[in-house]
């Protein structure tokens, strides 16, 4: 199973979309715990379109979640950018998505 997330550059009021200067991300479970050691993962090749690919252990259901048919994951994206109102401005976004437990009842 794969999950591809497209993270578009930062939206500025005057300039439109600007490219981030830095971009890091965390993967959390629905309780805020880090999943698969995915904390402060650096996206090194930055552009107006940036992609994060989640697979394998990123999307695995933990033993504590095994009784649930679906669990939530949070992809927390943190960036800095230069814009109309300054330099090194922070931008944060959380993307929440479901992961289905395909082993439930197996």
PDB file of N, CA and C in Angstrom:
ATOM      1  N   UNK A   1       0.841  -1.164   0.000  1.00  0.00           N
ATOM      2  CA  UNK A   1       0.000   0.000   0.000  1.00  0.00           C
ATOM      3  C   UNK A   1       0.892   1.234   0.000  1.00  0.00           C
ATOM      4  N   UNK A   2       0.533   2.197  -0.827  1.00  0.00           N
ATOM      5  CA  UNK A   2       1.264   3.458  -0.908  1.00  0.00           C
ATOM      6  C   UNK A   2       0.302   4.608  -0.706  1.00  0.00           C
ATOM      7  N   UNK A   3       0.817   5.695  -0.187  1.00  0.00           N
ATOM      8  CA  UNK A   3       0.038   6.909  -0.021  1.00  0.00           C
ATOM      9  C   UNK A   3       0.944   8.050  -0.429  1.00  0.00           C
ATOM     10  N   UNK A   4       0.569   8.784  -1.456  1.00  0.00           N
ATOM     11  CA  UNK A   4       1.367   9.889  -1.971  1.00  0.00           C
ATOM     12  C   UNK A   4       0.673  11.188  -1.641  1.00  0.00           C
ATOM     13  N   UNK A   5       1.407  12.107  -1.027  1.00  0.00           N
ATOM     14  CA  UNK A   5       0.859  13.408  -0.660  1.00  0.00           C
ATOM     15  C   UNK A   5       1.597  14.476  -1.448  1.00  0.00           C
ATOM     16  N   UNK A   6       0.844  15.333  -2.110  1.00  0.00           N
ATOM     17  CA  UNK A   6       1.443  16.468  -2.801  1.00  0.00           C
ATOM     18  C   UNK A   6       1.303  17.680  -1.903  1.00  0.00           C
ATOM     19  N   UNK A   7       2.432  18.276  -1.545  1.00  0.00           N
ATOM     20  CA  UNK A   7       2.448  19.480  -0.734  1.00  0.00           C
ATOM     21  C   UNK A   7       2.835  20.623  -1.658  1.00  0.00           C
ATOM     22  N   UNK A   8       1.898  21.508  -1.905  1.00  0.00           N
ATOM     23  CA  UNK A   8       2.132  22.635  -2.798  1.00  0.00           C
ATOM     24  C   UNK A   8       2.821  23.729  -2.005  1.00  0.00           C
ATOM     25  N   UNK A   9       3.554  24.591  -2.701  1.00  0.00           N
ATOM     26  CA  UNK A   9       4.235  25.699  -2.038  1.00  0.00           C
ATOM     27  C   UNK A   9       3.287  26.526  -1.183  1.00  0.00           C
ATOM     28  N   UNK A  10       3.823  27.478  -0.491  1.00  0.00           N
ATOM     29  CA  UNK A  10       3.069  28.315   0.440  1.00  0.00           C
ATOM     30  C   UNK A  10       2.300  29.377  -0.348  1.00  0.00           C
ATOM     31  N   UNK A  11       1.043  29.599   0.019  1.00  0.00           N
ATOM     32  CA  UNK A  11       0.224  30.618  -0.641  1.00  0.00           C
ATOM     33  C   UNK A  11       0.430  31.965   0.043  1.00  0.00           C
ATOM     34  N   UNK A  12       0.852  32.957  -0.730  1.00  0.00           N
ATOM     35  CA  UNK A  12       1.019  34.322  -0.243  1.00  0.00           C
ATOM     36  C   UNK A  12      -0.077  35.186  -0.847  1.00  0.00           C
ATOM     37  N   UNK A  13      -0.456  36.242  -0.139  1.00  0.00           N
ATOM     38  CA  UNK A  13      -1.569  37.072  -0.589  1.00  0.00           C
ATOM     39  C   UNK A  13      -1.265  37.814  -1.891  1.00  0.00           C
ATOM     40  N   UNK A  14      -0.053  38.257  -2.092  1.00  0.00           N
ATOM     41  CA  UNK A  14       0.286  39.043  -3.275  1.00  0.00           C
ATOM     42  C   UNK A  14       1.012  38.193  -4.312  1.00  0.00           C
ATOM     43  N   UNK A  15       1.984  37.431  -3.885  1.00  0.00           N
ATOM     44  CA  UNK A  15       2.826  36.677  -4.814  1.00  0.00           C
ATOM     45  C   UNK A  15       2.176  35.403  -5.334  1.00  0.00           C
ATOM     46  N   UNK A  16       1.109  34.954  -4.739  1.00  0.00           N
ATOM     47  CA  UNK A  16       0.536  33.665  -5.109  1.00  0.00           C
ATOM     48  C   UNK A  16       1.281  32.562  -4.387  1.00  0.00           C
ATOM     49  N   UNK A  17       1.643  31.502  -5.096  1.00  0.00           N
ATOM     50  CA  UNK A  17       2.357  30.378  -4.498  1.00  0.00           C
ATOM     51  C   UNK A  17       3.852  30.652  -4.551  1.00  0.00           C
ATOM     52  N   UNK A  18       4.522  30.513  -3.417  1.00  0.00           N
ATOM     53  CA  UNK A  18       5.973  30.680  -3.355  1.00  0.00           C
ATOM     54  C   UNK A  18       6.606  29.369  -2.891  1.00  0.00           C
ATOM     55  N   UNK A  19       7.832  29.159  -3.320  1.00  0.00           N
ATOM     56  CA  UNK A  19       8.549  27.943  -2.955  1.00  0.00           C
ATOM     57  C   UNK A  19       9.041  28.039  -1.511  1.00  0.00           C
ATOM     58  N   UNK A  20       8.868  26.974  -0.730  1.00  0.00           N
ATOM     59  CA  UNK A  20       9.384  27.008   0.641  1.00  0.00           C
ATOM     60  C   UNK A  20      10.914  26.987   0.653  1.00  0.00           C
ATOM     61  N   UNK A  21      11.484  27.598   1.681  1.00  0.00           N
ATOM     62  CA  UNK A  21      12.940  27.552   1.886  1.00  0.00           C
ATOM     63  C   UNK A  21      13.339  26.280   2.613  1.00  0.00           C
ATOM     64  N   UNK A  22      12.504  25.862   3.551  1.00  0.00           N
ATOM     65  CA  UNK A  22      12.717  24.613   4.287  1.00  0.00           C
ATOM     66  C   UNK A  22      11.375  23.896   4.364  1.00  0.00           C
ATOM     67  N   UNK A  23      11.436  22.566   4.429  1.00  0.00           N
ATOM     68  CA  UNK A  23      10.219  21.769   4.536  1.00  0.00           C
ATOM     69  C   UNK A  23      10.563  20.483   5.273  1.00  0.00           C
ATOM     70  N   UNK A  24       9.923  20.274   6.419  1.00  0.00           N
ATOM     71  CA  UNK A  24      10.083  19.042   7.193  1.00  0.00           C
ATOM     72  C   UNK A  24       8.697  18.524   7.544  1.00  0.00           C
ATOM     73  N   UNK A  25       8.614  17.209   7.846  1.00  0.00           N
ATOM     74  CA  UNK A  25       7.320  16.641   8.180  1.00  0.00           C
ATOM     75  C   UNK A  25       7.448  15.573   9.257  1.00  0.00           C
ATOM     76  N   UNK A  26       6.332  15.377   9.958  1.00  0.00           N
ATOM     77  CA  UNK A  26       6.181  14.338  10.972  1.00  0.00           C
ATOM     78  C   UNK A  26       4.990  13.476  10.571  1.00  0.00           C
ATOM     79  N   UNK A  27       5.027  12.208  10.967  1.00  0.00           N
ATOM     80  CA  UNK A  27       3.882  11.325  10.809  1.00  0.00           C
ATOM     81  C   UNK A  27       3.453  10.899  12.210  1.00  0.00           C
ATOM     82  N   UNK A  28       2.189  11.158  12.539  1.00  0.00           N
ATOM     83  CA  UNK A  28       1.670  10.874  13.876  1.00  0.00           C
ATOM     84  C   UNK A  28       0.447   9.971  13.791  1.00  0.00           C
ATOM     85  N   UNK A  29       0.244   9.199  14.874  1.00  0.00           N
ATOM     86  CA  UNK A  29      -1.002   8.457  14.976  1.00  0.00           C
ATOM     87  C   UNK A  29      -2.075   9.388  15.534  1.00  0.00           C
ATOM     88  N   UNK A  30      -3.278   8.869  15.731  1.00  0.00           N
ATOM     89  CA  UNK A  30      -4.372   9.735  16.159  1.00  0.00           C
ATOM     90  C   UNK A  30      -4.211  10.258  17.583  1.00  0.00           C
ATOM     91  N   UNK A  31      -3.258   9.694  18.334  1.00  0.00           N
ATOM     92  CA  UNK A  31      -2.980  10.195  19.682  1.00  0.00           C
ATOM     93  C   UNK A  31      -1.785  11.135  19.720  1.00  0.00           C
ATOM     94  N   UNK A  32      -1.198  11.431  18.560  1.00  0.00           N
ATOM     95  CA  UNK A  32      -0.072  12.346  18.498  1.00  0.00           C
ATOM     96  C   UNK A  32       1.289  11.689  18.647  1.00  0.00           C
ATOM     97  N   UNK A  33       1.335  10.366  18.710  1.00  0.00           N
ATOM     98  CA  UNK A  33       2.608   9.649  18.811  1.00  0.00           C
ATOM     99  C   UNK A  33       3.258   9.550  17.431  1.00  0.00           C
ATOM    100  N   UNK A  34       4.573   9.642  17.394  1.00  0.00           N
ATOM    101  CA  UNK A  34       5.311   9.545  16.139  1.00  0.00           C
ATOM    102  C   UNK A  34       5.234   8.116  15.616  1.00  0.00           C
ATOM    103  N   UNK A  35       4.964   7.967  14.315  1.00  0.00           N
ATOM    104  CA  UNK A  35       4.860   6.667  13.658  1.00  0.00           C
ATOM    105  C   UNK A  35       6.144   6.415  12.866  1.00  0.00           C
ATOM    106  N   UNK A  36       6.715   5.228  13.016  1.00  0.00           N
ATOM    107  CA  UNK A  36       7.848   4.761  12.220  1.00  0.00           C
ATOM    108  C   UNK A  36       9.046   5.727  12.249  1.00  0.00           C
ATOM    109  N   UNK A  37       9.289   6.341  13.392  1.00  0.00           N
ATOM    110  CA  UNK A  37      10.405   7.280  13.552  1.00  0.00           C
ATOM    111  C   UNK A  37      10.387   8.418  12.535  1.00  0.00           C
ATOM    112  N   UNK A  38       9.200   8.770  12.051  1.00  0.00           N
ATOM    113  CA  UNK A  38       9.066   9.823  11.039  1.00  0.00           C
ATOM    114  C   UNK A  38       8.830  11.165  11.708  1.00  0.00           C
ATOM    115  N   UNK A  39       9.896  11.708  12.269  1.00  0.00           N
ATOM    116  CA  UNK A  39       9.832  13.013  12.920  1.00  0.00           C
ATOM    117  C   UNK A  39      10.907  13.912  12.334  1.00  0.00           C
ATOM    118  N   UNK A  40      10.507  15.115  11.959  1.00  0.00           N
ATOM    119  CA  UNK A  40      11.418  16.104  11.367  1.00  0.00           C
ATOM    120  C   UNK A  40      12.156  15.543  10.153  1.00  0.00           C
ATOM    121  N   UNK A  41      11.415  14.862   9.277  1.00  0.00           N
ATOM    122  CA  UNK A  41      11.983  14.335   8.034  1.00  0.00           C
ATOM    123  C   UNK A  41      12.141  15.505   7.068  1.00  0.00           C
ATOM    124  N   UNK A  42      13.345  15.706   6.570  1.00  0.00           N
ATOM    125  CA  UNK A  42      13.665  16.849   5.711  1.00  0.00           C
ATOM    126  C   UNK A  42      13.363  16.511   4.258  1.00  0.00           C
ATOM    127  N   UNK A  43      12.648  17.403   3.583  1.00  0.00           N
ATOM    128  CA  UNK A  43      12.463  17.325   2.137  1.00  0.00           C
ATOM    129  C   UNK A  43      13.587  18.154   1.534  1.00  0.00           C
ATOM    130  N   UNK A  44      14.511  17.505   0.853  1.00  0.00           N
ATOM    131  CA  UNK A  44      15.724  18.202   0.412  1.00  0.00           C
ATOM    132  C   UNK A  44      15.607  18.842  -0.967  1.00  0.00           C
ATOM    133  N   UNK A  45      14.813  18.279  -1.851  1.00  0.00           N
ATOM    134  CA  UNK A  45      14.639  18.856  -3.190  1.00  0.00           C
ATOM    135  C   UNK A  45      13.336  19.636  -3.205  1.00  0.00           C
ATOM    136  N   UNK A  46      13.424  20.939  -3.003  1.00  0.00           N
ATOM    137  CA  UNK A  46      12.229  21.765  -2.862  1.00  0.00           C
ATOM    138  C   UNK A  46      11.804  22.372  -4.188  1.00  0.00           C
ATOM    139  N   UNK A  47      10.503  22.527  -4.352  1.00  0.00           N
ATOM    140  CA  UNK A  47       9.935  23.168  -5.527  1.00  0.00           C
ATOM    141  C   UNK A  47       8.562  23.702  -5.186  1.00  0.00           C
ATOM    142  N   UNK A  48       7.835  24.164  -6.195  1.00  0.00           N
ATOM    143  CA  UNK A  48       6.464  24.609  -5.954  1.00  0.00           C
ATOM    144  C   UNK A  48       5.561  23.416  -5.646  1.00  0.00           C
ATOM    145  N   UNK A  49       5.887  22.252  -6.215  1.00  0.00           N
ATOM    146  CA  UNK A  49       5.202  21.005  -5.902  1.00  0.00           C
ATOM    147  C   UNK A  49       6.191  20.087  -5.203  1.00  0.00           C
ATOM    148  N   UNK A  50       5.820  19.606  -4.028  1.00  0.00           N
ATOM    149  CA  UNK A  50       6.675  18.712  -3.244  1.00  0.00           C
ATOM    150  C   UNK A  50       5.860  17.474  -2.907  1.00  0.00           C
ATOM    151  N   UNK A  51       6.507  16.313  -2.966  1.00  0.00           N
ATOM    152  CA  UNK A  51       5.799  15.058  -2.758  1.00  0.00           C
ATOM    153  C   UNK A  51       6.375  14.303  -1.569  1.00  0.00           C
ATOM    154  N   UNK A  52       5.484  13.696  -0.793  1.00  0.00           N
ATOM    155  CA  UNK A  52       5.865  12.847   0.329  1.00  0.00           C
ATOM    156  C   UNK A  52       5.212  11.486   0.078  1.00  0.00           C
ATOM    157  N   UNK A  53       6.016  10.459   0.020  1.00  0.00           N
ATOM    158  CA  UNK A  53       5.515   9.108  -0.226  1.00  0.00           C
ATOM    159  C   UNK A  53       5.536   8.323   1.084  1.00  0.00           C
ATOM    160  N   UNK A  54       4.382   7.817   1.477  1.00  0.00           N
ATOM    161  CA  UNK A  54       4.260   6.986   2.670  1.00  0.00           C
ATOM    162  C   UNK A  54       3.967   5.565   2.224  1.00  0.00           C
ATOM    163  N   UNK A  55       4.641   4.600   2.834  1.00  0.00           N
ATOM    164  CA  UNK A  55       4.417   3.197   2.483  1.00  0.00           C
ATOM    165  C   UNK A  55       4.883   2.307   3.621  1.00  0.00           C
ATOM    166  N   UNK A  56       4.603   1.003   3.508  1.00  0.00           N
ATOM    167  CA  UNK A  56       5.105   0.019   4.459  1.00  0.00           C
ATOM    168  C   UNK A  56       4.766   0.350   5.898  1.00  0.00           C
ATOM    169  N   UNK A  57       5.796   0.470   6.737  1.00  0.00           N
ATOM    170  CA  UNK A  57       5.611   0.709   8.169  1.00  0.00           C
ATOM    171  C   UNK A  57       4.966   2.058   8.461  1.00  0.00           C
ATOM    172  N   UNK A  58       5.026   2.992   7.502  1.00  0.00           N
ATOM    173  CA  UNK A  58       4.344   4.281   7.689  1.00  0.00           C
ATOM    174  C   UNK A  58       2.838   4.085   7.814  1.00  0.00           C
ATOM    175  N   UNK A  59       2.316   3.073   7.130  1.00  0.00           N
ATOM    176  CA  UNK A  59       0.875   2.847   7.077  1.00  0.00           C
ATOM    177  C   UNK A  59       0.434   1.614   7.856  1.00  0.00           C
ATOM    178  N   UNK A  60       1.343   1.020   8.605  1.00  0.00           N
ATOM    179  CA  UNK A  60       1.027  -0.184   9.371  1.00  0.00           C
ATOM    180  C   UNK A  60       0.128   0.151  10.564  1.00  0.00           C
ATOM    181  N   UNK A  61      -0.707  -0.799  10.915  1.00  0.00           N
ATOM    182  CA  UNK A  61      -1.567  -0.685  12.095  1.00  0.00           C
ATOM    183  C   UNK A  61      -0.786  -1.255  13.278  1.00  0.00           C
ATOM    184  N   UNK A  62      -0.662  -0.491  14.358  1.00  0.00           N
ATOM    185  CA  UNK A  62       0.085  -0.972  15.524  1.00  0.00           C
ATOM    186  C   UNK A  62      -0.741  -1.998  16.290  1.00  0.00           C
ATOM    187  N   UNK A  63      -0.091  -2.746  17.153  1.00  0.00           N
ATOM    188  CA  UNK A  63      -0.796  -3.776  17.931  1.00  0.00           C
ATOM    189  C   UNK A  63      -1.877  -3.152  18.811  1.00  0.00           C
ATOM    190  N   UNK A  64      -1.661  -1.954  19.297  1.00  0.00           N
ATOM    191  CA  UNK A  64      -2.669  -1.273  20.114  1.00  0.00           C
ATOM    192  C   UNK A  64      -3.866  -0.784  19.323  1.00  0.00           C
ATOM    193  N   UNK A  65      -3.740  -0.764  17.994  1.00  0.00           N
ATOM    194  CA  UNK A  65      -4.828  -0.314  17.128  1.00  0.00           C
ATOM    195  C   UNK A  65      -5.511  -1.473  16.405  1.00  0.00           C
ATOM    196  N   UNK A  66      -5.052  -2.692  16.639  1.00  0.00           N
ATOM    197  CA  UNK A  66      -5.478  -3.859  15.858  1.00  0.00           C
ATOM    198  C   UNK A  66      -6.979  -4.126  15.932  1.00  0.00           C
ATOM    199  N   UNK A  67      -7.651  -3.650  16.975  1.00  0.00           N
ATOM    200  CA  UNK A  67      -9.087  -3.881  17.122  1.00  0.00           C
ATOM    201  C   UNK A  67      -9.934  -2.883  16.338  1.00  0.00           C
ATOM    202  N   UNK A  68      -9.313  -1.872  15.759  1.00  0.00           N
ATOM    203  CA  UNK A  68     -10.051  -0.829  15.032  1.00  0.00           C
ATOM    204  C   UNK A  68     -10.099  -1.139  13.537  1.00  0.00           C
ATOM    205  N   UNK A  69     -11.225  -0.838  12.904  1.00  0.00           N
ATOM    206  CA  UNK A  69     -11.329  -1.061  11.459  1.00  0.00           C
ATOM    207  C   UNK A  69     -10.622   0.039  10.670  1.00  0.00           C
ATOM    208  N   UNK A  70     -10.573   1.239  11.216  1.00  0.00           N
ATOM    209  CA  UNK A  70      -9.850   2.363  10.624  1.00  0.00           C
ATOM    210  C   UNK A  70      -9.079   3.087  11.713  1.00  0.00           C
ATOM    211  N   UNK A  71      -7.947   3.624  11.368  1.00  0.00           N
ATOM    212  CA  UNK A  71      -7.210   4.511  12.262  1.00  0.00           C
ATOM    213  C   UNK A  71      -6.893   5.787  11.490  1.00  0.00           C
ATOM    214  N   UNK A  72      -6.594   6.828  12.219  1.00  0.00           N
ATOM    215  CA  UNK A  72      -6.227   8.092  11.583  1.00  0.00           C
ATOM    216  C   UNK A  72      -4.722   8.295  11.688  1.00  0.00           C
ATOM    217  N   UNK A  73      -4.177   8.884  10.666  1.00  0.00           N
ATOM    218  CA  UNK A  73      -2.794   9.328  10.678  1.00  0.00           C
ATOM    219  C   UNK A  73      -2.788  10.824  10.393  1.00  0.00           C
ATOM    220  N   UNK A  74      -1.817  11.510  10.979  1.00  0.00           N
ATOM    221  CA  UNK A  74      -1.654  12.948  10.762  1.00  0.00           C
ATOM    222  C   UNK A  74      -0.278  13.183  10.151  1.00  0.00           C
ATOM    223  N   UNK A  75      -0.265  13.819   9.004  1.00  0.00           N
ATOM    224  CA  UNK A  75       0.975  14.259   8.390  1.00  0.00           C
ATOM    225  C   UNK A  75       1.100  15.738   8.717  1.00  0.00           C
ATOM    226  N   UNK A  76       2.089  16.068   9.535  1.00  0.00           N
ATOM    227  CA  UNK A  76       2.293  17.449   9.979  1.00  0.00           C
ATOM    228  C   UNK A  76       3.454  18.022   9.177  1.00  0.00           C
ATOM    229  N   UNK A  77       3.160  19.050   8.399  1.00  0.00           N
ATOM    230  CA  UNK A  77       4.145  19.657   7.518  1.00  0.00           C
ATOM    231  C   UNK A  77       4.514  21.032   8.074  1.00  0.00           C
ATOM    232  N   UNK A  78       5.821  21.267   8.196  1.00  0.00           N
ATOM    233  CA  UNK A  78       6.321  22.540   8.718  1.00  0.00           C
ATOM    234  C   UNK A  78       7.297  23.118   7.696  1.00  0.00           C
ATOM    235  N   UNK A  79       7.093  24.380   7.350  1.00  0.00           N
ATOM    236  CA  UNK A  79       7.931  25.016   6.332  1.00  0.00           C
ATOM    237  C   UNK A  79       8.302  26.425   6.762  1.00  0.00           C
ATOM    238  N   UNK A  80       9.327  26.952   6.107  1.00  0.00           N
ATOM    239  CA  UNK A  80       9.629  28.378   6.197  1.00  0.00           C
ATOM    240  C   UNK A  80       9.719  28.905   4.774  1.00  0.00           C
ATOM    241  N   UNK A  81       9.441  30.190   4.630  1.00  0.00           N
ATOM    242  CA  UNK A  81       9.463  30.806   3.304  1.00  0.00           C
ATOM    243  C   UNK A  81       9.706  32.299   3.435  1.00  0.00           C
ATOM    244  N   UNK A  82      10.108  32.911   2.334  1.00  0.00           N
ATOM    245  CA  UNK A  82      10.226  34.362   2.245  1.00  0.00           C
ATOM    246  C   UNK A  82       9.013  34.870   1.491  1.00  0.00           C
ATOM    247  N   UNK A  83       8.352  35.885   2.044  1.00  0.00           N
ATOM    248  CA  UNK A  83       7.134  36.389   1.414  1.00  0.00           C
ATOM    249  C   UNK A  83       7.016  37.885   1.511  1.00  0.00           C
ATOM    250  N   UNK A  84       5.822  38.350   1.245  1.00  0.00           N
ATOM    251  CA  UNK A  84       5.536  39.784   1.240  1.00  0.00           C
ATOM    252  C   UNK A  84       5.773  40.439   2.600  1.00  0.00           C
ATOM    253  N   UNK A  85       5.646  39.664   3.665  1.00  0.00           N
ATOM    254  CA  UNK A  85       5.686  40.247   5.006  1.00  0.00           C
ATOM    255  C   UNK A  85       6.937  39.888   5.797  1.00  0.00           C
ATOM    256  N   UNK A  86       7.954  39.365   5.116  1.00  0.00           N
ATOM    257  CA  UNK A  86       9.199  39.083   5.816  1.00  0.00           C
ATOM    258  C   UNK A  86       9.921  37.864   5.266  1.00  0.00           C
ATOM    259  N   UNK A  87      10.989  37.522   5.961  1.00  0.00           N
ATOM    260  CA  UNK A  87      11.788  36.361   5.582  1.00  0.00           C
ATOM    261  C   UNK A  87      11.699  35.308   6.675  1.00  0.00           C
ATOM    262  N   UNK A  88      11.954  34.072   6.297  1.00  0.00           N
ATOM    263  CA  UNK A  88      11.895  32.931   7.217  1.00  0.00           C
ATOM    264  C   UNK A  88      10.565  32.861   7.964  1.00  0.00           C
ATOM    265  N   UNK A  89       9.482  33.131   7.241  1.00  0.00           N
ATOM    266  CA  UNK A  89       8.144  33.061   7.833  1.00  0.00           C
ATOM    267  C   UNK A  89       7.736  31.599   8.012  1.00  0.00           C
ATOM    268  N   UNK A  90       7.066  31.260   9.115  1.00  0.00           N
ATOM    269  CA  UNK A  90       6.663  29.867   9.340  1.00  0.00           C
ATOM    270  C   UNK A  90       5.331  29.555   8.662  1.00  0.00           C
ATOM    271  N   UNK A  91       5.198  28.314   8.229  1.00  0.00           N
ATOM    272  CA  UNK A  91       3.926  27.805   7.709  1.00  0.00           C
ATOM    273  C   UNK A  91       3.774  26.376   8.230  1.00  0.00           C
ATOM    274  N   UNK A  92       2.594  26.057   8.735  1.00  0.00           N
ATOM    275  CA  UNK A  92       2.312  24.723   9.273  1.00  0.00           C
ATOM    276  C   UNK A  92       0.990  24.226   8.711  1.00  0.00           C
ATOM    277  N   UNK A  93       0.930  22.939   8.459  1.00  0.00           N
ATOM    278  CA  UNK A  93      -0.301  22.327   7.962  1.00  0.00           C
ATOM    279  C   UNK A  93      -0.374  20.900   8.490  1.00  0.00           C
ATOM    280  N   UNK A  94      -1.581  20.463   8.842  1.00  0.00           N
ATOM    281  CA  UNK A  94      -1.791  19.083   9.245  1.00  0.00           C
ATOM    282  C   UNK A  94      -2.780  18.448   8.270  1.00  0.00           C
ATOM    283  N   UNK A  95      -2.387  17.326   7.716  1.00  0.00           N
ATOM    284  CA  UNK A  95      -3.240  16.573   6.804  1.00  0.00           C
ATOM    285  C   UNK A  95      -3.611  15.280   7.522  1.00  0.00           C
ATOM    286  N   UNK A  96      -4.906  15.064   7.729  1.00  0.00           N
ATOM    287  CA  UNK A  96      -5.382  13.870   8.419  1.00  0.00           C
ATOM    288  C   UNK A  96      -6.006  12.936   7.390  1.00  0.00           C
ATOM    289  N   UNK A  97      -5.642  11.658   7.476  1.00  0.00           N
ATOM    290  CA  UNK A  97      -6.170  10.674   6.524  1.00  0.00           C
ATOM    291  C   UNK A  97      -6.405   9.347   7.246  1.00  0.00           C
ATOM    292  N   UNK A  98      -7.358   8.555   6.729  1.00  0.00           N
ATOM    293  CA  UNK A  98      -7.647   7.257   7.349  1.00  0.00           C
ATOM    294  C   UNK A  98      -6.751   6.154   6.771  1.00  0.00           C
ATOM    295  N   UNK A  99      -6.490   5.159   7.605  1.00  0.00           N
ATOM    296  CA  UNK A  99      -5.816   3.934   7.163  1.00  0.00           C
ATOM    297  C   UNK A  99      -6.741   2.788   7.570  1.00  0.00           C
ATOM    298  N   UNK A 100      -7.115   1.961   6.603  1.00  0.00           N
ATOM    299  CA  UNK A 100      -8.018   0.847   6.874  1.00  0.00           C
ATOM    300  C   UNK A 100      -7.225  -0.358   7.351  1.00  0.00           C
ATOM    301  N   UNK A 101      -7.749  -1.006   8.379  1.00  0.00           N
ATOM    302  CA  UNK A 101      -7.138  -2.210   8.915  1.00  0.00           C
ATOM    303  C   UNK A 101      -7.615  -3.395   8.084  1.00  0.00           C
ATOM    304  N   UNK A 102      -6.780  -3.863   7.169  1.00  0.00           N
ATOM    305  CA  UNK A 102      -7.157  -4.955   6.280  1.00  0.00           C
ATOM    306  C   UNK A 102      -7.051  -6.320   6.954  1.00  0.00           C
ATOM    307  N   UNK A 103      -6.431  -6.375   8.140  1.00  0.00           N
ATOM    308  CA  UNK A 103      -6.269  -7.647   8.856  1.00  0.00           C
ATOM    309  C   UNK A 103      -7.367  -7.909   9.875  1.00  0.00           C
ATOM    310  N   UNK A 104      -8.271  -6.964  10.067  1.00  0.00           N
ATOM    311  CA  UNK A 104      -9.328  -7.124  11.060  1.00  0.00           C
ATOM    312  C   UNK A 104     -10.240  -8.277  10.654  1.00  0.00           C
ATOM    313  N   UNK A 105     -10.369  -9.245  11.537  1.00  0.00           N
ATOM    314  CA  UNK A 105     -11.220 -10.405  11.284  1.00  0.00           C
ATOM    315  C   UNK A 105     -10.537 -11.502  10.467  1.00  0.00           C
ATOM    316  N   UNK A 106      -9.254 -11.295  10.146  1.00  0.00           N
ATOM    317  CA  UNK A 106      -8.563 -12.301   9.332  1.00  0.00           C
ATOM    318  C   UNK A 106      -8.065 -13.449  10.188  1.00  0.00           C
TER     319      UNK A 106
END
